[in-house]
Amino acid sequence: MSAVQSPQEHKLAELIVEALNLEDLEADAIDVEKPLFGHEYGLDSIDALELTLAISKTYGVQLKADDGQNLKAFANLRALSAHIELLQGKS
């Protein structure tokens, strides 16, 4: 059984679906704990770049390419949402 998306996670899931034109995927179907990249959702490094831009525009935070936390931050929906909240708290 998958964990339920928080309102913030759901908003981010909607952004992911919209920004990456994932027509076959509903925001509600993104499991908060499953890896965003790789097999399940088929996202790749190009998607990561597009998503980074969309996050920057939507949330007003900068995700830097050389940030060592990126691997953890982009691990899954829950981690990415938490990372964005952390960055928003710093600005």
PDB file of N, CA and C in Angstrom:
ATOM      1  N   MET A   1       0.839  -1.179   0.000  1.00  0.00           N
ATOM      2  CA  MET A   1       0.000   0.000   0.000  1.00  0.00           C
ATOM      3  C   MET A   1       0.887   1.246   0.000  1.00  0.00           C
ATOM      4  N   SER A   2       0.571   2.186  -0.860  1.00  0.00           N
ATOM      5  CA  SER A   2       1.400   3.373  -0.963  1.00  0.00           C
ATOM      6  C   SER A   2       0.928   4.457  -0.001  1.00  0.00           C
ATOM      7  N   ALA A   3       1.864   5.300   0.379  1.00  0.00           N
ATOM      8  CA  ALA A   3       1.555   6.405   1.277  1.00  0.00           C
ATOM      9  C   ALA A   3       0.738   7.458   0.528  1.00  0.00           C
ATOM     10  N   VAL A   4      -0.075   8.168   1.259  1.00  0.00           N
ATOM     11  CA  VAL A   4      -0.939   9.198   0.683  1.00  0.00           C
ATOM     12  C   VAL A   4      -0.136  10.484   0.477  1.00  0.00           C
ATOM     13  N   GLN A   5      -0.394  11.143  -0.641  1.00  0.00           N
ATOM     14  CA  GLN A   5       0.268  12.408  -0.931  1.00  0.00           C
ATOM     15  C   GLN A   5      -0.271  13.503  -0.013  1.00  0.00           C
ATOM     16  N   SER A   6       0.642  14.324   0.494  1.00  0.00           N
ATOM     17  CA  SER A   6       0.226  15.516   1.229  1.00  0.00           C
ATOM     18  C   SER A   6      -0.244  16.538   0.193  1.00  0.00           C
ATOM     19  N   PRO A   7      -0.916  17.597   0.610  1.00  0.00           N
ATOM     20  CA  PRO A   7      -1.319  18.624  -0.365  1.00  0.00           C
ATOM     21  C   PRO A   7      -0.125  19.206  -1.152  1.00  0.00           C
ATOM     22  N   GLN A   8       1.006  19.411  -0.467  1.00  0.00           N
ATOM     23  CA  GLN A   8       2.195  19.928  -1.140  1.00  0.00           C
ATOM     24  C   GLN A   8       2.740  18.920  -2.154  1.00  0.00           C
ATOM     25  N   GLU A   9       2.742  17.662  -1.770  1.00  0.00           N
ATOM     26  CA  GLU A   9       3.219  16.610  -2.677  1.00  0.00           C
ATOM     27  C   GLU A   9       2.302  16.486  -3.883  1.00  0.00           C
ATOM     28  N   HIS A  10       1.001  16.627  -3.663  1.00  0.00           N
ATOM     29  CA  HIS A  10       0.062  16.534  -4.771  1.00  0.00           C
ATOM     30  C   HIS A  10       0.269  17.687  -5.762  1.00  0.00           C
ATOM     31  N   LYS A  11       0.474  18.881  -5.239  1.00  0.00           N
ATOM     32  CA  LYS A  11       0.740  20.046  -6.104  1.00  0.00           C
ATOM     33  C   LYS A  11       1.999  19.803  -6.939  1.00  0.00           C
ATOM     34  N   LEU A  12       3.041  19.248  -6.306  1.00  0.00           N
ATOM     35  CA  LEU A  12       4.278  18.944  -7.015  1.00  0.00           C
ATOM     36  C   LEU A  12       4.051  17.837  -8.046  1.00  0.00           C
ATOM     37  N   ALA A  13       3.271  16.831  -7.697  1.00  0.00           N
ATOM     38  CA  ALA A  13       2.956  15.751  -8.638  1.00  0.00           C
ATOM     39  C   ALA A  13       2.236  16.304  -9.866  1.00  0.00           C
ATOM     40  N   GLU A  14       1.317  17.240  -9.639  1.00  0.00           N
ATOM     41  CA  GLU A  14       0.624  17.876 -10.770  1.00  0.00           C
ATOM     42  C   GLU A  14       1.603  18.641 -11.648  1.00  0.00           C
ATOM     43  N   LEU A  15       2.554  19.326 -11.019  1.00  0.00           N
ATOM     44  CA  LEU A  15       3.578  20.051 -11.772  1.00  0.00           C
ATOM     45  C   LEU A  15       4.418  19.085 -12.608  1.00  0.00           C
ATOM     46  N   ILE A  16       4.785  17.957 -12.028  1.00  0.00           N
ATOM     47  CA  ILE A  16       5.584  16.959 -12.747  1.00  0.00           C
ATOM     48  C   ILE A  16       4.826  16.468 -13.983  1.00  0.00           C
ATOM     49  N   VAL A  17       3.570  16.108 -13.798  1.00  0.00           N
ATOM     50  CA  VAL A  17       2.757  15.610 -14.911  1.00  0.00           C
ATOM     51  C   VAL A  17       2.620  16.676 -15.999  1.00  0.00           C
ATOM     52  N   GLU A  18       2.345  17.912 -15.588  1.00  0.00           N
ATOM     53  CA  GLU A  18       2.142  18.997 -16.549  1.00  0.00           C
ATOM     54  C   GLU A  18       3.442  19.400 -17.241  1.00  0.00           C
ATOM     55  N   ALA A  19       4.499  19.620 -16.466  1.00  0.00           N
ATOM     56  CA  ALA A  19       5.767  20.093 -17.031  1.00  0.00           C
ATOM     57  C   ALA A  19       6.398  19.084 -17.975  1.00  0.00           C
ATOM     58  N   LEU A  20       6.194  17.801 -17.693  1.00  0.00           N
ATOM     59  CA  LEU A  20       6.829  16.753 -18.502  1.00  0.00           C
ATOM     60  C   LEU A  20       5.860  16.131 -19.508  1.00  0.00           C
ATOM     61  N   ASN A  21       4.669  16.703 -19.610  1.00  0.00           N
ATOM     62  CA  ASN A  21       3.655  16.206 -20.556  1.00  0.00           C
ATOM     63  C   ASN A  21       3.434  14.705 -20.420  1.00  0.00           C
ATOM     64  N   LEU A  22       3.230  14.256 -19.207  1.00  0.00           N
ATOM     65  CA  LEU A  22       3.017  12.828 -18.934  1.00  0.00           C
ATOM     66  C   LEU A  22       1.527  12.507 -19.062  1.00  0.00           C
ATOM     67  N   GLU A  23       1.061  12.431 -20.287  1.00  0.00           N
ATOM     68  CA  GLU A  23      -0.357  12.255 -20.572  1.00  0.00           C
ATOM     69  C   GLU A  23      -0.932  10.942 -20.043  1.00  0.00           C
ATOM     70  N   ASP A  24      -0.092   9.926 -19.914  1.00  0.00           N
ATOM     71  CA  ASP A  24      -0.567   8.620 -19.460  1.00  0.00           C
ATOM     72  C   ASP A  24      -0.484   8.445 -17.947  1.00  0.00           C
ATOM     73  N   LEU A  25      -0.138   9.520 -17.237  1.00  0.00           N
ATOM     74  CA  LEU A  25       0.052   9.420 -15.787  1.00  0.00           C
ATOM     75  C   LEU A  25      -0.761  10.497 -15.081  1.00  0.00           C
ATOM     76  N   GLU A  26      -1.523  10.079 -14.090  1.00  0.00           N
ATOM     77  CA  GLU A  26      -2.280  11.013 -13.260  1.00  0.00           C
ATOM     78  C   GLU A  26      -1.412  11.405 -12.064  1.00  0.00           C
ATOM     79  N   ALA A  27      -1.549  12.639 -11.616  1.00  0.00           N
ATOM     80  CA  ALA A  27      -0.773  13.101 -10.452  1.00  0.00           C
ATOM     81  C   ALA A  27      -1.007  12.203  -9.246  1.00  0.00           C
ATOM     82  N   ASP A  28      -2.252  11.768  -9.059  1.00  0.00           N
ATOM     83  CA  ASP A  28      -2.584  10.897  -7.925  1.00  0.00           C
ATOM     84  C   ASP A  28      -1.880   9.547  -7.987  1.00  0.00           C
ATOM     85  N   ALA A  29      -1.454   9.149  -9.168  1.00  0.00           N
ATOM     86  CA  ALA A  29      -0.836   7.829  -9.343  1.00  0.00           C
ATOM     87  C   ALA A  29       0.656   7.826  -9.009  1.00  0.00           C
ATOM     88  N   ILE A  30       1.231   8.996  -8.778  1.00  0.00           N
ATOM     89  CA  ILE A  30       2.653   9.043  -8.434  1.00  0.00           C
ATOM     90  C   ILE A  30       2.810   8.678  -6.966  1.00  0.00           C
ATOM     91  N   ASP A  31       3.454   7.564  -6.737  1.00  0.00           N
ATOM     92  CA  ASP A  31       3.691   7.072  -5.378  1.00  0.00           C
ATOM     93  C   ASP A  31       4.772   7.938  -4.732  1.00  0.00           C
ATOM     94  N   VAL A  32       4.501   8.440  -3.537  1.00  0.00           N
ATOM     95  CA  VAL A  32       5.428   9.363  -2.883  1.00  0.00           C
ATOM     96  C   VAL A  32       6.772   8.734  -2.555  1.00  0.00           C
ATOM     97  N   GLU A  33       6.829   7.408  -2.495  1.00  0.00           N
ATOM     98  CA  GLU A  33       8.060   6.745  -2.084  1.00  0.00           C
ATOM     99  C   GLU A  33       8.761   5.973  -3.193  1.00  0.00           C
ATOM    100  N   LYS A  34       8.161   5.897  -4.372  1.00  0.00           N
ATOM    101  CA  LYS A  34       8.805   5.191  -5.482  1.00  0.00           C
ATOM    102  C   LYS A  34       9.754   6.139  -6.215  1.00  0.00           C
ATOM    103  N   PRO A  35      10.862   5.621  -6.726  1.00  0.00           N
ATOM    104  CA  PRO A  35      11.810   6.472  -7.446  1.00  0.00           C
ATOM    105  C   PRO A  35      11.141   7.185  -8.621  1.00  0.00           C
ATOM    106  N   LEU A  36      11.423   8.479  -8.752  1.00  0.00           N
ATOM    107  CA  LEU A  36      10.881   9.251  -9.874  1.00  0.00           C
ATOM    108  C   LEU A  36      11.569   8.875 -11.180  1.00  0.00           C
ATOM    109  N   PHE A  37      12.861   8.585 -11.097  1.00  0.00           N
ATOM    110  CA  PHE A  37      13.641   8.320 -12.310  1.00  0.00           C
ATOM    111  C   PHE A  37      13.948   6.844 -12.426  1.00  0.00           C
ATOM    112  N   GLY A  38      13.972   6.368 -13.666  1.00  0.00           N
ATOM    113  CA  GLY A  38      14.231   4.963 -13.902  1.00  0.00           C
ATOM    114  C   GLY A  38      12.993   4.256 -14.412  1.00  0.00           C
ATOM    115  N   HIS A  39      12.781   3.060 -13.915  1.00  0.00           N
ATOM    116  CA  HIS A  39      11.796   2.145 -14.489  1.00  0.00           C
ATOM    117  C   HIS A  39      10.332   2.563 -14.340  1.00  0.00           C
ATOM    118  N   GLU A  40       9.900   2.867 -13.148  1.00  0.00           N
ATOM    119  CA  GLU A  40       8.473   3.052 -12.871  1.00  0.00           C
ATOM    120  C   GLU A  40       7.818   4.129 -13.738  1.00  0.00           C
ATOM    121  N   TYR A  41       8.399   5.312 -13.750  1.00  0.00           N
ATOM    122  CA  TYR A  41       7.780   6.423 -14.471  1.00  0.00           C
ATOM    123  C   TYR A  41       8.515   6.778 -15.762  1.00  0.00           C
ATOM    124  N   GLY A  42       9.667   6.164 -15.993  1.00  0.00           N
ATOM    125  CA  GLY A  42      10.398   6.355 -17.239  1.00  0.00           C
ATOM    126  C   GLY A  42      11.042   7.727 -17.392  1.00  0.00           C
ATOM    127  N   LEU A  43      11.267   8.427 -16.298  1.00  0.00           N
ATOM    128  CA  LEU A  43      11.893   9.746 -16.384  1.00  0.00           C
ATOM    129  C   LEU A  43      13.402   9.601 -16.516  1.00  0.00           C
ATOM    130  N   ASP A  44      14.006  10.552 -17.247  1.00  0.00           N
ATOM    131  CA  ASP A  44      15.444  10.497 -17.472  1.00  0.00           C
ATOM    132  C   ASP A  44      16.089  11.846 -17.165  1.00  0.00           C
ATOM    133  N   SER A  45      17.355  12.007 -17.524  1.00  0.00           N
ATOM    134  CA  SER A  45      18.092  13.220 -17.189  1.00  0.00           C
ATOM    135  C   SER A  45      17.535  14.457 -17.885  1.00  0.00           C
ATOM    136  N   ILE A  46      17.001  14.308 -19.079  1.00  0.00           N
ATOM    137  CA  ILE A  46      16.376  15.441 -19.776  1.00  0.00           C
ATOM    138  C   ILE A  46      15.130  15.879 -18.998  1.00  0.00           C
ATOM    139  N   ASP A  47      14.359  14.910 -18.526  1.00  0.00           N
ATOM    140  CA  ASP A  47      13.188  15.221 -17.702  1.00  0.00           C
ATOM    141  C   ASP A  47      13.613  15.959 -16.424  1.00  0.00           C
ATOM    142  N   ALA A  48      14.747  15.565 -15.862  1.00  0.00           N
ATOM    143  CA  ALA A  48      15.243  16.217 -14.645  1.00  0.00           C
ATOM    144  C   ALA A  48      15.525  17.692 -14.905  1.00  0.00           C
ATOM    145  N   LEU A  49      16.115  17.989 -16.057  1.00  0.00           N
ATOM    146  CA  LEU A  49      16.394  19.384 -16.401  1.00  0.00           C
ATOM    147  C   LEU A  49      15.104  20.176 -16.576  1.00  0.00           C
ATOM    148  N   GLU A  50      14.151  19.609 -17.291  1.00  0.00           N
ATOM    149  CA  GLU A  50      12.863  20.283 -17.497  1.00  0.00           C
ATOM    150  C   GLU A  50      12.135  20.483 -16.168  1.00  0.00           C
ATOM    151  N   LEU A  51      12.185  19.481 -15.329  1.00  0.00           N
ATOM    152  CA  LEU A  51      11.527  19.563 -14.034  1.00  0.00           C
ATOM    153  C   LEU A  51      12.193  20.616 -13.153  1.00  0.00           C
ATOM    154  N   THR A  52      13.506  20.696 -13.209  1.00  0.00           N
ATOM    155  CA  THR A  52      14.242  21.703 -12.444  1.00  0.00           C
ATOM    156  C   THR A  52      13.801  23.109 -12.831  1.00  0.00           C
ATOM    157  N   LEU A  53      13.639  23.343 -14.127  1.00  0.00           N
ATOM    158  CA  LEU A  53      13.178  24.656 -14.599  1.00  0.00           C
ATOM    159  C   LEU A  53      11.758  24.943 -14.125  1.00  0.00           C
ATOM    160  N   ALA A  54      10.890  23.968 -14.217  1.00  0.00           N
ATOM    161  CA  ALA A  54       9.505  24.146 -13.788  1.00  0.00           C
ATOM    162  C   ALA A  54       9.423  24.419 -12.285  1.00  0.00           C
ATOM    163  N   ILE A  55      10.233  23.729 -11.506  1.00  0.00           N
ATOM    164  CA  ILE A  55      10.261  23.933 -10.058  1.00  0.00           C
ATOM    165  C   ILE A  55      10.756  25.338  -9.741  1.00  0.00           C
ATOM    166  N   SER A  56      11.786  25.763 -10.443  1.00  0.00           N
ATOM    167  CA  SER A  56      12.335  27.105 -10.245  1.00  0.00           C
ATOM    168  C   SER A  56      11.282  28.179 -10.506  1.00  0.00           C
ATOM    169  N   LYS A  57      10.553  28.043 -11.606  1.00  0.00           N
ATOM    170  CA  LYS A  57       9.516  29.018 -11.965  1.00  0.00           C
ATOM    171  C   LYS A  57       8.352  28.992 -10.986  1.00  0.00           C
ATOM    172  N   THR A  58       7.939  27.812 -10.594  1.00  0.00           N
ATOM    173  CA  THR A  58       6.756  27.655  -9.746  1.00  0.00           C
ATOM    174  C   THR A  58       7.018  27.993  -8.282  1.00  0.00           C
ATOM    175  N   TYR A  59       8.153  27.524  -7.770  1.00  0.00           N
ATOM    176  CA  TYR A  59       8.421  27.661  -6.342  1.00  0.00           C
ATOM    177  C   TYR A  59       9.436  28.757  -6.010  1.00  0.00           C
ATOM    178  N   GLY A  60      10.079  29.320  -7.020  1.00  0.00           N
ATOM    179  CA  GLY A  60      11.038  30.385  -6.778  1.00  0.00           C
ATOM    180  C   GLY A  60      12.302  29.934  -6.073  1.00  0.00           C
ATOM    181  N   VAL A  61      12.683  28.678  -6.279  1.00  0.00           N
ATOM    182  CA  VAL A  61      13.919  28.155  -5.689  1.00  0.00           C
ATOM    183  C   VAL A  61      14.840  27.687  -6.801  1.00  0.00           C
ATOM    184  N   GLN A  62      16.128  27.726  -6.518  1.00  0.00           N
ATOM    185  CA  GLN A  62      17.118  27.286  -7.494  1.00  0.00           C
ATOM    186  C   GLN A  62      17.667  25.924  -7.086  1.00  0.00           C
ATOM    187  N   LEU A  63      17.554  24.966  -7.980  1.00  0.00           N
ATOM    188  CA  LEU A  63      18.171  23.654  -7.776  1.00  0.00           C
ATOM    189  C   LEU A  63      19.456  23.672  -8.602  1.00  0.00           C
ATOM    190  N   LYS A  64      20.571  23.658  -7.942  1.00  0.00           N
ATOM    191  CA  LYS A  64      21.853  23.776  -8.624  1.00  0.00           C
ATOM    192  C   LYS A  64      22.368  22.411  -9.063  1.00  0.00           C
ATOM    193  N   ALA A  65      22.920  22.366 -10.266  1.00  0.00           N
ATOM    194  CA  ALA A  65      23.408  21.107 -10.838  1.00  0.00           C
ATOM    195  C   ALA A  65      24.520  20.486 -10.003  1.00  0.00           C
ATOM    196  N   ASP A  66      25.326  21.310  -9.339  1.00  0.00           N
ATOM    197  CA  ASP A  66      26.466  20.790  -8.579  1.00  0.00           C
ATOM    198  C   ASP A  66      26.141  20.513  -7.110  1.00  0.00           C
ATOM    199  N   ASP A  67      24.864  20.563  -6.758  1.00  0.00           N
ATOM    200  CA  ASP A  67      24.448  20.305  -5.382  1.00  0.00           C
ATOM    201  C   ASP A  67      24.510  18.808  -5.102  1.00  0.00           C
ATOM    202  N   GLY A  68      25.296  18.433  -4.130  1.00  0.00           N
ATOM    203  CA  GLY A  68      25.438  17.033  -3.763  1.00  0.00           C
ATOM    204  C   GLY A  68      24.165  16.403  -3.228  1.00  0.00           C
ATOM    205  N   GLN A  69      23.188  17.226  -2.855  1.00  0.00           N
ATOM    206  CA  GLN A  69      21.920  16.732  -2.320  1.00  0.00           C
ATOM    207  C   GLN A  69      20.931  16.324  -3.417  1.00  0.00           C
ATOM    208  N   ASN A  70      21.236  16.637  -4.674  1.00  0.00           N
ATOM    209  CA  ASN A  70      20.281  16.389  -5.758  1.00  0.00           C
ATOM    210  C   ASN A  70      19.864  14.926  -5.875  1.00  0.00           C
ATOM    211  N   LEU A  71      20.801  14.033  -5.724  1.00  0.00           N
ATOM    212  CA  LEU A  71      20.467  12.614  -5.845  1.00  0.00           C
ATOM    213  C   LEU A  71      19.421  12.227  -4.807  1.00  0.00           C
ATOM    214  N   LYS A  72      19.603  12.690  -3.581  1.00  0.00           N
ATOM    215  CA  LYS A  72      18.621  12.426  -2.522  1.00  0.00           C
ATOM    216  C   LYS A  72      17.329  13.185  -2.793  1.00  0.00           C
ATOM    217  N   ALA A  73      17.457  14.449  -3.212  1.00  0.00           N
ATOM    218  CA  ALA A  73      16.283  15.303  -3.415  1.00  0.00           C
ATOM    219  C   ALA A  73      15.361  14.756  -4.499  1.00  0.00           C
ATOM    220  N   PHE A  74      15.940  14.226  -5.565  1.00  0.00           N
ATOM    221  CA  PHE A  74      15.141  13.720  -6.677  1.00  0.00           C
ATOM    222  C   PHE A  74      14.824  12.228  -6.542  1.00  0.00           C
ATOM    223  N   ALA A  75      15.083  11.654  -5.385  1.00  0.00           N
ATOM    224  CA  ALA A  75      14.865  10.216  -5.189  1.00  0.00           C
ATOM    225  C   ALA A  75      13.409   9.828  -5.395  1.00  0.00           C
ATOM    226  N   ASN A  76      12.496  10.621  -4.838  1.00  0.00           N
ATOM    227  CA  ASN A  76      11.071  10.327  -4.962  1.00  0.00           C
ATOM    228  C   ASN A  76      10.276  11.606  -4.704  1.00  0.00           C
ATOM    229  N   LEU A  77       8.995  11.531  -4.871  1.00  0.00           N
ATOM    230  CA  LEU A  77       8.130  12.703  -4.724  1.00  0.00           C
ATOM    231  C   LEU A  77       8.234  13.303  -3.321  1.00  0.00           C
ATOM    232  N   ARG A  78       8.230  12.457  -2.312  1.00  0.00           N
ATOM    233  CA  ARG A  78       8.291  12.938  -0.926  1.00  0.00           C
ATOM    234  C   ARG A  78       9.603  13.676  -0.667  1.00  0.00           C
ATOM    235  N   ALA A  79      10.720  13.121  -1.116  1.00  0.00           N
ATOM    236  CA  ALA A  79      12.025  13.757  -0.905  1.00  0.00           C
ATOM    237  C   ALA A  79      12.118  15.074  -1.662  1.00  0.00           C
ATOM    238  N   LEU A  80      11.601  15.111  -2.877  1.00  0.00           N
ATOM    239  CA  LEU A  80      11.666  16.333  -3.680  1.00  0.00           C
ATOM    240  C   LEU A  80      10.812  17.430  -3.048  1.00  0.00           C
ATOM    241  N   SER A  81       9.639  17.086  -2.591  1.00  0.00           N
ATOM    242  CA  SER A  81       8.774  18.057  -1.936  1.00  0.00           C
ATOM    243  C   SER A  81       9.441  18.613  -0.681  1.00  0.00           C
ATOM    244  N   ALA A  82      10.029  17.752   0.117  1.00  0.00           N
ATOM    245  CA  ALA A  82      10.717  18.179   1.344  1.00  0.00           C
ATOM    246  C   ALA A  82      11.906  19.072   1.013  1.00  0.00           C
ATOM    247  N   HIS A  83      12.642  18.750  -0.036  1.00  0.00           N
ATOM    248  CA  HIS A  83      13.801  19.541  -0.450  1.00  0.00           C
ATOM    249  C   HIS A  83      13.364  20.942  -0.880  1.00  0.00           C
ATOM    250  N   ILE A  84      12.282  21.022  -1.624  1.00  0.00           N
ATOM    251  CA  ILE A  84      11.766  22.329  -2.061  1.00  0.00           C
ATOM    252  C   ILE A  84      11.357  23.157  -0.843  1.00  0.00           C
ATOM    253  N   GLU A  85      10.671  22.532   0.101  1.00  0.00           N
ATOM    254  CA  GLU A  85      10.267  23.252   1.318  1.00  0.00           C
ATOM    255  C   GLU A  85      11.483  23.759   2.075  1.00  0.00           C
ATOM    256  N   LEU A  86      12.525  22.946   2.148  1.00  0.00           N
ATOM    257  CA  LEU A  86      13.767  23.334   2.822  1.00  0.00           C
ATOM    258  C   LEU A  86      14.394  24.542   2.131  1.00  0.00           C
ATOM    259  N   LEU A  87      14.456  24.516   0.804  1.00  0.00           N
ATOM    260  CA  LEU A  87      15.025  25.626   0.051  1.00  0.00           C
ATOM    261  C   LEU A  87      14.188  26.894   0.210  1.00  0.00           C
ATOM    262  N   GLN A  88      12.885  26.748   0.242  1.00  0.00           N
ATOM    263  CA  GLN A  88      12.014  27.914   0.434  1.00  0.00           C
ATOM    264  C   GLN A  88      12.220  28.527   1.811  1.00  0.00           C
ATOM    265  N   GLY A  89      12.516  27.701   2.792  1.00  0.00           N
ATOM    266  CA  GLY A  89      12.758  28.193   4.131  1.00  0.00           C
ATOM    267  C   GLY A  89      14.055  28.982   4.243  1.00  0.00           C
ATOM    268  N   LYS A  90      15.002  28.686   3.346  1.00  0.00           N
ATOM    269  CA  LYS A  90      16.299  29.378   3.361  1.00  0.00           C
ATOM    270  C   LYS A  90      16.243  30.719   2.670  1.00  0.00           C
ATOM    271  N   SER A  91      15.233  30.918   1.800  1.00  0.00           N
ATOM    272  CA  SER A  91      15.208  32.172   1.036  1.00  0.00           C
ATOM    273  C   SER A  91      14.388  33.244   1.716  1.00  0.00           C
TER     274      SER A  91
END
